[in-house]
Protein backbone atom coordinates (compact mmCIF):
# COMPACT_ATOMS: atom_id res chain seq x y z
CA MET A 1 -76.31 2.51 -38.18
CA LYS A 2 -74.84 1.45 -41.51
CA PHE A 3 -73.37 -2.04 -41.53
CA PRO A 4 -70.52 -3.00 -43.88
CA SER A 5 -71.52 -4.87 -47.00
CA LEU A 6 -70.77 -8.53 -47.51
CA ALA A 7 -68.14 -7.53 -50.06
CA SER A 8 -66.45 -5.26 -47.49
CA LEU A 9 -66.50 -8.00 -44.87
CA ALA A 10 -65.00 -10.43 -47.35
CA ALA A 11 -62.25 -7.96 -48.19
CA ILE A 12 -61.49 -7.42 -44.51
CA TRP A 13 -61.38 -11.18 -43.91
CA MET A 14 -59.01 -11.67 -46.84
CA LEU A 15 -56.72 -8.92 -45.51
CA ILE A 16 -56.61 -10.48 -42.03
CA HIS A 17 -55.99 -13.92 -43.53
CA THR A 18 -53.17 -12.56 -45.70
CA VAL A 19 -51.50 -10.82 -42.75
CA HIS A 20 -51.67 -13.99 -40.64
CA THR A 21 -50.37 -16.12 -43.50
CA VAL A 22 -47.39 -13.82 -44.08
CA ALA A 23 -46.64 -13.71 -40.36
CA ALA A 24 -46.86 -17.49 -40.11
CA GLU A 25 -44.39 -17.84 -42.97
CA ASP A 26 -41.80 -15.48 -41.52
CA PRO A 27 -38.62 -17.55 -41.19
CA ILE A 28 -37.34 -18.47 -37.76
CA THR A 29 -33.78 -17.41 -36.95
CA VAL A 30 -31.85 -20.48 -35.77
CA ALA A 31 -28.61 -19.40 -34.07
CA TRP A 32 -25.76 -21.82 -33.49
CA ARG A 33 -22.36 -21.57 -31.80
CA ILE A 34 -19.07 -22.96 -33.09
CA LYS A 35 -18.48 -26.30 -31.34
CA PRO A 36 -16.85 -29.01 -33.45
CA PRO A 37 -17.76 -31.75 -34.18
CA HIS A 38 -21.34 -30.74 -33.36
CA GLN A 39 -21.35 -27.56 -35.46
CA TYR A 40 -18.51 -25.65 -37.12
CA ILE A 41 -17.23 -24.03 -40.32
CA GLU A 42 -14.43 -25.60 -42.35
CA ASN A 43 -13.07 -23.89 -45.46
CA GLY A 44 -16.18 -21.73 -45.56
CA VAL A 45 -18.52 -24.74 -45.41
CA GLU A 46 -20.93 -25.26 -42.49
CA LYS A 47 -20.56 -28.75 -41.05
CA GLY A 48 -21.31 -30.79 -37.94
CA ILE A 49 -23.46 -33.66 -36.74
CA LEU A 50 -25.92 -31.46 -34.83
CA LEU A 51 -25.99 -28.68 -37.42
CA ASP A 52 -26.90 -31.24 -40.08
CA ARG A 53 -29.50 -32.78 -37.77
CA ALA A 54 -31.06 -29.38 -36.98
CA LYS A 55 -31.34 -28.56 -40.68
CA GLN A 56 -33.06 -31.90 -41.27
CA VAL A 57 -35.46 -31.35 -38.35
CA PHE A 58 -36.66 -27.95 -39.59
CA SER A 59 -36.82 -29.24 -43.15
CA VAL A 60 -39.06 -32.22 -42.38
CA ALA A 61 -41.13 -29.94 -40.11
CA HIS A 62 -41.67 -27.62 -43.11
CA ILE A 63 -40.65 -24.57 -41.08
CA PRO A 64 -38.79 -21.81 -42.96
CA VAL A 65 -35.57 -20.84 -41.16
CA ASN A 66 -32.42 -18.75 -41.43
CA PHE A 67 -29.36 -20.37 -39.80
CA VAL A 68 -26.85 -17.90 -38.34
CA GLU A 69 -23.60 -18.53 -36.46
CA GLU A 70 -23.35 -16.50 -33.23
CA PRO A 71 -21.27 -16.77 -30.03
CA ALA A 72 -22.93 -18.52 -27.08
CA LYS A 73 -22.96 -15.35 -24.98
CA ARG A 74 -24.80 -13.42 -27.71
CA ILE A 75 -27.33 -16.22 -28.21
CA TRP A 76 -28.34 -16.18 -24.56
CA SER A 77 -28.25 -12.38 -24.47
CA ASN A 78 -30.74 -12.43 -27.35
CA PHE A 79 -33.01 -14.81 -25.46
CA SER A 80 -32.72 -12.67 -22.33
CA GLY A 81 -33.52 -9.57 -24.36
CA GLY A 82 -36.71 -11.10 -25.70
CA SER A 83 -35.72 -11.76 -29.31
CA LYS A 84 -38.75 -12.94 -31.28
CA ASN A 85 -39.04 -15.90 -33.65
CA TYR A 86 -35.64 -17.11 -32.46
CA CYS A 87 -34.28 -20.62 -31.80
CA SER A 88 -30.97 -22.34 -31.14
CA PHE A 89 -29.93 -25.96 -30.64
CA GLY A 90 -27.59 -28.23 -28.73
CA TRP A 91 -28.25 -26.82 -25.23
CA TYR A 92 -28.64 -28.48 -21.84
CA ARG A 93 -31.84 -28.01 -19.85
CA ILE A 94 -30.90 -26.11 -16.67
CA PRO A 95 -33.25 -24.22 -14.29
CA GLU A 96 -32.08 -20.68 -15.12
CA ARG A 97 -33.02 -21.17 -18.76
CA GLU A 98 -36.60 -22.28 -18.11
CA SER A 99 -37.90 -18.70 -17.85
CA LEU A 100 -36.17 -17.65 -21.09
CA VAL A 101 -36.98 -20.36 -23.61
CA GLN A 102 -39.17 -23.27 -24.62
CA PHE A 103 -37.44 -26.66 -24.75
CA SER A 104 -38.03 -29.23 -27.45
CA ASP A 105 -38.00 -32.99 -27.05
CA ILE A 106 -34.54 -34.57 -26.67
CA PHE A 107 -32.39 -33.60 -29.65
CA HIS A 108 -29.11 -35.35 -28.73
CA THR A 109 -27.65 -37.30 -25.80
CA ASP A 110 -24.02 -36.79 -24.79
CA PRO A 111 -21.64 -39.39 -23.42
CA PRO A 112 -20.14 -38.39 -20.04
CA HIS A 113 -17.56 -35.59 -20.01
CA THR A 114 -13.91 -36.52 -19.78
CA LEU A 115 -10.79 -34.71 -18.52
CA LEU A 116 -8.07 -33.15 -20.65
CA VAL A 117 -4.87 -32.78 -18.60
CA SER A 118 -1.89 -30.53 -19.33
CA PRO A 119 1.63 -31.98 -19.73
CA ALA A 120 2.85 -30.18 -16.60
CA ALA A 121 0.01 -31.41 -14.36
CA ILE A 122 -0.33 -35.05 -15.35
CA LYS A 123 1.51 -36.38 -12.28
CA GLN A 124 -0.60 -34.30 -9.84
CA VAL A 125 -3.87 -35.14 -11.54
CA SER A 126 -3.03 -38.85 -11.74
CA ALA A 127 -2.63 -38.91 -7.95
CA HIS A 128 -6.41 -38.47 -7.61
CA ARG A 129 -8.87 -41.32 -7.88
CA SER A 130 -12.11 -39.33 -8.03
CA LEU A 131 -13.40 -36.11 -9.54
CA ALA A 132 -14.36 -34.83 -6.08
CA SER A 133 -10.80 -35.34 -4.84
CA LEU A 134 -9.39 -33.64 -7.94
CA MET A 135 -11.59 -30.58 -7.49
CA ALA A 136 -10.52 -30.29 -3.86
CA ASP A 137 -6.84 -29.86 -4.83
CA ARG A 138 -5.90 -26.20 -4.31
CA SER A 139 -2.66 -26.59 -6.26
CA LEU A 140 -4.43 -27.24 -9.57
CA THR A 141 -6.00 -24.84 -12.07
CA LEU A 142 -9.28 -25.79 -13.74
CA GLY A 143 -9.97 -24.22 -17.13
CA VAL A 144 -13.64 -23.25 -17.49
CA VAL A 145 -15.41 -22.01 -20.62
CA ASP A 146 -17.77 -19.22 -19.54
CA ALA A 147 -21.25 -18.50 -20.95
CA VAL A 148 -22.04 -22.22 -21.33
CA SER A 149 -23.17 -24.93 -18.92
CA TYR A 150 -21.48 -28.24 -18.16
CA GLY A 151 -24.78 -29.52 -16.78
CA PRO A 152 -26.28 -28.97 -13.30
CA GLU A 153 -24.04 -31.43 -11.43
CA LEU A 154 -20.75 -30.29 -12.93
CA ASP A 155 -21.75 -26.61 -12.70
CA ALA A 156 -22.32 -27.11 -8.96
CA MET A 157 -19.01 -28.96 -8.56
CA ILE A 158 -17.15 -26.20 -10.39
CA LYS A 159 -18.81 -23.55 -8.22
CA SER A 160 -17.66 -25.27 -5.02
CA SER A 161 -14.26 -26.40 -6.36
CA LYS A 162 -11.11 -25.54 -4.41
CA ASN A 163 -9.08 -25.44 -7.64
CA ARG A 164 -7.94 -22.13 -9.00
CA ILE A 165 -10.34 -21.31 -11.83
CA GLU A 166 -9.12 -20.00 -15.19
CA ARG A 167 -12.25 -18.64 -16.90
CA SER A 168 -12.53 -17.63 -20.53
CA THR A 169 -15.42 -16.84 -22.89
CA THR A 170 -13.45 -18.53 -25.66
CA LEU A 171 -14.39 -21.68 -27.59
CA PRO A 172 -13.83 -25.11 -25.97
CA MET A 173 -11.11 -25.90 -28.53
CA ILE A 174 -9.26 -22.71 -27.56
CA MET A 175 -9.48 -23.71 -23.89
CA ALA A 176 -8.04 -27.09 -24.91
CA ARG A 177 -5.08 -25.28 -26.47
CA MET A 178 -4.64 -23.34 -23.22
CA VAL A 179 -4.44 -26.68 -21.37
CA GLY A 180 -1.89 -27.88 -23.94
CA ALA A 181 0.15 -24.74 -23.23
CA ASN A 182 -0.03 -25.38 -19.43
CA ARG A 183 -2.13 -22.27 -18.80
CA ALA A 184 -4.57 -24.55 -16.94
CA SER A 185 -3.92 -27.90 -15.27
CA TYR A 186 -6.98 -29.55 -16.77
CA MET A 187 -10.43 -28.96 -18.22
CA LEU A 188 -13.70 -30.82 -18.53
CA ILE A 189 -14.35 -31.56 -22.18
CA ASP A 190 -17.13 -33.23 -24.14
CA ARG A 191 -15.89 -36.66 -25.15
CA GLU A 192 -17.11 -36.09 -28.71
CA ASP A 193 -15.18 -32.80 -28.83
CA TRP A 194 -12.01 -34.60 -27.73
CA GLU A 195 -12.42 -37.39 -30.27
CA TYR A 196 -12.65 -34.74 -32.98
CA LEU A 197 -9.81 -32.52 -31.76
CA LYS A 198 -7.16 -35.03 -30.73
CA ASP A 199 -5.94 -35.82 -34.25
CA LYS A 200 -6.46 -32.33 -35.66
CA GLU A 201 -4.68 -30.15 -33.09
CA ASP A 202 -0.90 -30.48 -32.88
CA SER A 203 -0.96 -28.39 -29.70
CA LEU A 204 -2.83 -31.22 -27.92
CA HIS A 205 -0.40 -34.04 -28.67
CA GLN A 206 1.27 -33.72 -25.25
CA THR A 207 -2.01 -33.54 -23.33
CA THR A 208 -3.62 -36.58 -21.69
CA GLN A 209 -7.26 -37.63 -21.73
CA MET A 210 -8.31 -39.18 -18.42
CA ASP A 211 -11.44 -40.51 -16.71
CA LEU A 212 -12.02 -40.43 -12.96
CA ALA A 213 -14.73 -41.90 -10.75
CA GLY A 214 -17.64 -39.59 -10.00
CA MET A 215 -18.13 -38.07 -13.45
CA PRO A 216 -21.88 -37.46 -13.96
CA ALA A 217 -23.73 -39.27 -16.73
CA GLY A 218 -23.99 -37.60 -20.12
CA LEU A 219 -26.86 -35.15 -20.51
CA HIS A 220 -29.55 -34.53 -23.09
CA ARG A 221 -29.37 -31.57 -25.46
CA TYR A 222 -32.38 -29.72 -26.81
CA ILE A 223 -33.57 -27.22 -29.38
CA VAL A 224 -34.58 -24.05 -27.53
CA CYS A 225 -36.91 -21.36 -28.86
CA SER A 226 -38.16 -17.96 -27.75
CA LYS A 227 -41.36 -17.90 -25.71
CA ASP A 228 -43.34 -16.22 -28.50
CA LEU A 229 -43.05 -19.22 -30.81
CA PRO A 230 -46.58 -20.73 -31.12
CA PRO A 231 -47.27 -24.18 -29.64
CA GLU A 232 -48.03 -25.58 -33.09
CA GLN A 233 -44.53 -24.60 -34.24
CA MET A 234 -42.96 -26.38 -31.26
CA GLN A 235 -45.11 -29.42 -32.05
CA LYS A 236 -43.79 -29.42 -35.62
CA ILE A 237 -40.20 -29.17 -34.31
CA ASN A 238 -40.79 -32.10 -31.94
CA ALA A 239 -42.34 -34.14 -34.73
CA GLY A 240 -39.26 -33.40 -36.85
CA ILE A 241 -36.98 -34.52 -34.03
CA GLN A 242 -38.91 -37.78 -33.71
CA LYS A 243 -38.47 -38.45 -37.43
CA VAL A 244 -34.80 -37.45 -37.66
CA PHE A 245 -33.19 -38.19 -34.27
CA ARG A 246 -35.09 -41.36 -33.39
CA ALA A 247 -34.36 -42.80 -36.81
CA LYS A 248 -30.62 -42.44 -36.12
CA LYS A 249 -30.65 -44.28 -32.79
C-alpha cells in the first residue's frame, strides 16, 4: 500500500484548515423586527436602543454579521424551518421556543406592560380595579398583536380572557392606532413603546394609558440563535452582552 507523502498530507491539512476558517468566518444573519423604540427605521436610518446594543454586542464579540429587518412571523418561520447561521434579538424566553433556538444571557429587561385604552371604552375600563376583572368583561374588545408573545403569564391570561379578541399580525404601533380609532377597547403595550409613541402619534392623543393591579412583572429579553451555531459562538455573544449590557446598568 502506498501512503501519501508528507507534502501531500500537509496540503490536505492546509485545505481542511482553509475550509474550516472560511466557514467560521461566514457572517451570521441577525434578523430584527420593527418595534420602536427598541428597533426601527427613520428616514432610511436604522435606529433603536436594542438595535444599537445588538450591533455593539456582535462587534465586541468579533463576530461578522449581516443585520436584516424582517417581520416577526417570518423570523420565527425561519427558525422553525431550520435556517442556519441565523440569530435575532429582543425576544422573551417561552417554552415553545426552546426546541427552536438557543438563548443568550439576558440582553434587556422590560418594565411591566401597561394598558392603552380607546376613547370610547375609557369609562368601562376604568370601572375595573384589576387586570383579571378587566379580562373577564365580555363587553370589551382586547387588541392582540399575533406572532409575538406578551410573556407566559399574559399569554395565558389572553388565552382564557372573556373579552372579544381583535387579532392582527400588524406592528404594535399599528394596533395602538386601531385602539385610537376605537377598533379595540384596549391593548397591552410595552411601557417603553408607549413612552416613545405618545408624543409622536397624533392618532393616540385621545387614548388613555392606565395601570391595573395584577399586571405581571417585566420580563427579560434575549438574543436567540439557530441550533447549529457552535457553543463557542454563543459564548462570544454572551461575553459581548456582559461587556455591553452590564456596563449600561
